[in-house]
Amino acid sequence: MKIFLLIGIKIYWLLMPKSKRKKCIFRTSCSNYVFKITAKGGLWKGLKALKFRYVNCRHGYQLFKNPINNKIHLILPNREVINEENIAERLLK
């Protein structure tokens, strides 16, 4: 069953040029992340990863700089905190 999700992502990559894709707030793009999770963990883990990224990637996030270590963090709409290593480089500029 996971093959359908993987094929769907590959079709998305083929049909949607990179210039037309929405910009992800995560360093690893949403489609790449979901593809990797699905390939390793199966359909249910892939669908769970897809839901997580869909809910948290578009809007409602906040960037903040930690005054203690001077690093940038991202607070997602679900209140999860993402470290600088996982934030898209375009947001760190």
C-alpha atoms as a PDB file:
ATOM      1  CA  MET A   1       0.000   0.000   0.000  1.00  0.00           C
ATOM      2  CA  LYS A   2       2.850   2.402   0.696  1.00  0.00           C
ATOM      3  CA  ILE A   3       3.745   2.210  -2.981  1.00  0.00           C
ATOM      4  CA  PHE A   4       0.688   4.344  -3.841  1.00  0.00           C
ATOM      5  CA  LEU A   5       1.847   7.194  -1.612  1.00  0.00           C
ATOM      6  CA  LEU A   6       5.399   6.931  -2.942  1.00  0.00           C
ATOM      7  CA  ILE A   7       4.186   6.947  -6.549  1.00  0.00           C
ATOM      8  CA  GLY A   8       1.915   9.905  -5.778  1.00  0.00           C
ATOM      9  CA  ILE A   9       4.881  11.882  -4.461  1.00  0.00           C
ATOM     10  CA  LYS A  10       6.992  10.957  -7.494  1.00  0.00           C
ATOM     11  CA  ILE A  11       4.197  12.083  -9.820  1.00  0.00           C
ATOM     12  CA  TYR A  12       4.015  15.354  -7.885  1.00  0.00           C
ATOM     13  CA  TRP A  13       7.774  15.821  -8.391  1.00  0.00           C
ATOM     14  CA  LEU A  14       7.451  15.124 -12.124  1.00  0.00           C
ATOM     15  CA  LEU A  15       4.411  17.288 -12.802  1.00  0.00           C
ATOM     16  CA  MET A  16       5.053  20.230 -10.477  1.00  0.00           C
ATOM     17  CA  PRO A  17       8.163  22.251 -11.329  1.00  0.00           C
ATOM     18  CA  LYS A  18      10.215  23.346  -8.320  1.00  0.00           C
ATOM     19  CA  SER A  19       9.502  26.973  -9.137  1.00  0.00           C
ATOM     20  CA  LYS A  20       5.735  26.383  -8.729  1.00  0.00           C
ATOM     21  CA  ARG A  21       5.901  24.421  -5.453  1.00  0.00           C
ATOM     22  CA  LYS A  22       5.048  26.141  -2.205  1.00  0.00           C
ATOM     23  CA  LYS A  23       8.055  26.980  -0.045  1.00  0.00           C
ATOM     24  CA  CYS A  24       8.464  24.745   2.977  1.00  0.00           C
ATOM     25  CA  ILE A  25       9.464  26.137   6.379  1.00  0.00           C
ATOM     26  CA  PHE A  26      11.475  23.002   7.106  1.00  0.00           C
ATOM     27  CA  ARG A  27      14.983  22.373   5.787  1.00  0.00           C
ATOM     28  CA  THR A  28      13.896  19.039   4.286  1.00  0.00           C
ATOM     29  CA  SER A  29      10.940  19.741   2.014  1.00  0.00           C
ATOM     30  CA  CYS A  30       7.604  18.249   2.978  1.00  0.00           C
ATOM     31  CA  SER A  31       7.446  15.908  -0.011  1.00  0.00           C
ATOM     32  CA  ASN A  32      11.011  14.648   0.569  1.00  0.00           C
ATOM     33  CA  TYR A  33      10.319  14.146   4.273  1.00  0.00           C
ATOM     34  CA  VAL A  34       7.092  12.224   3.675  1.00  0.00           C
ATOM     35  CA  PHE A  35       8.734  10.148   0.927  1.00  0.00           C
ATOM     36  CA  LYS A  36      11.606   9.167   3.237  1.00  0.00           C
ATOM     37  CA  ILE A  37       9.333   8.341   6.191  1.00  0.00           C
ATOM     38  CA  THR A  38       6.989   6.294   3.990  1.00  0.00           C
ATOM     39  CA  ALA A  39       9.843   4.370   2.354  1.00  0.00           C
ATOM     40  CA  LYS A  40      11.350   3.480   5.739  1.00  0.00           C
ATOM     41  CA  GLY A  41       8.293   3.163   7.977  1.00  0.00           C
ATOM     42  CA  GLY A  42       5.383   2.231   5.756  1.00  0.00           C
ATOM     43  CA  LEU A  43       2.089   3.753   4.744  1.00  0.00           C
ATOM     44  CA  TRP A  44       0.697   4.648   8.185  1.00  0.00           C
ATOM     45  CA  LYS A  45       3.848   6.427   9.292  1.00  0.00           C
ATOM     46  CA  GLY A  46       3.951   8.204   5.936  1.00  0.00           C
ATOM     47  CA  LEU A  47       0.347   9.367   6.278  1.00  0.00           C
ATOM     48  CA  LYS A  48       1.042  10.535   9.820  1.00  0.00           C
ATOM     49  CA  ALA A  49       4.084  12.493   8.589  1.00  0.00           C
ATOM     50  CA  LEU A  50       2.001  13.980   5.758  1.00  0.00           C
ATOM     51  CA  LYS A  51      -0.672  15.133   8.211  1.00  0.00           C
ATOM     52  CA  PHE A  52       1.956  16.628  10.551  1.00  0.00           C
ATOM     53  CA  ARG A  53       3.602  18.583   7.749  1.00  0.00           C
ATOM     54  CA  TYR A  54       0.296  19.682   6.223  1.00  0.00           C
ATOM     55  CA  VAL A  55      -0.984  21.038   9.537  1.00  0.00           C
ATOM     56  CA  ASN A  56       2.277  22.728  10.591  1.00  0.00           C
ATOM     57  CA  CYS A  57       3.979  23.917   7.424  1.00  0.00           C
ATOM     58  CA  ARG A  58       1.803  26.655   6.006  1.00  0.00           C
ATOM     59  CA  HIS A  59       0.963  29.333   8.540  1.00  0.00           C
ATOM     60  CA  GLY A  60       0.826  30.105  12.233  1.00  0.00           C
ATOM     61  CA  TYR A  61       4.486  29.512  13.001  1.00  0.00           C
ATOM     62  CA  GLN A  62       6.774  31.923  14.873  1.00  0.00           C
ATOM     63  CA  LEU A  63      10.516  32.421  14.691  1.00  0.00           C
ATOM     64  CA  PHE A  64      12.393  33.502  17.786  1.00  0.00           C
ATOM     65  CA  LYS A  65      16.011  33.907  18.828  1.00  0.00           C
ATOM     66  CA  ASN A  66      16.992  32.240  22.084  1.00  0.00           C
ATOM     67  CA  PRO A  67      18.900  34.838  24.127  1.00  0.00           C
ATOM     68  CA  ILE A  68      20.845  32.147  25.998  1.00  0.00           C
ATOM     69  CA  ASN A  69      22.485  30.353  23.055  1.00  0.00           C
ATOM     70  CA  ASN A  70      21.748  32.982  20.367  1.00  0.00           C
ATOM     71  CA  LYS A  71      20.155  30.346  18.085  1.00  0.00           C
ATOM     72  CA  ILE A  72      16.948  30.699  16.132  1.00  0.00           C
ATOM     73  CA  HIS A  73      14.030  28.391  16.890  1.00  0.00           C
ATOM     74  CA  LEU A  74      10.663  27.892  15.246  1.00  0.00           C
ATOM     75  CA  ILE A  75       7.421  27.372  17.150  1.00  0.00           C
ATOM     76  CA  LEU A  76       4.922  25.401  15.072  1.00  0.00           C
ATOM     77  CA  PRO A  77       1.142  25.845  15.301  1.00  0.00           C
ATOM     78  CA  ASN A  78       0.981  22.690  17.453  1.00  0.00           C
ATOM     79  CA  ARG A  79       3.466  24.380  19.870  1.00  0.00           C
ATOM     80  CA  GLU A  80       6.346  22.037  18.989  1.00  0.00           C
ATOM     81  CA  VAL A  81       9.714  23.813  18.924  1.00  0.00           C
ATOM     82  CA  ILE A  82      12.037  23.156  15.965  1.00  0.00           C
ATOM     83  CA  ASN A  83      15.780  23.757  16.208  1.00  0.00           C
ATOM     84  CA  GLU A  84      17.754  25.900  13.778  1.00  0.00           C
ATOM     85  CA  GLU A  85      19.195  22.834  12.010  1.00  0.00           C
ATOM     86  CA  ASN A  86      15.701  21.868  10.793  1.00  0.00           C
ATOM     87  CA  ILE A  87      14.508  25.317   9.711  1.00  0.00           C
ATOM     88  CA  ALA A  88      14.598  26.249   6.024  1.00  0.00           C
ATOM     89  CA  GLU A  89      17.642  28.388   5.236  1.00  0.00           C
ATOM     90  CA  ARG A  90      15.486  31.043   3.574  1.00  0.00           C
ATOM     91  CA  LEU A  91      13.853  31.775   6.940  1.00  0.00           C
ATOM     92  CA  LEU A  92      17.186  32.154   8.731  1.00  0.00           C
ATOM     93  CA  LYS A  93      18.359  35.066   6.604  1.00  0.00           C
END
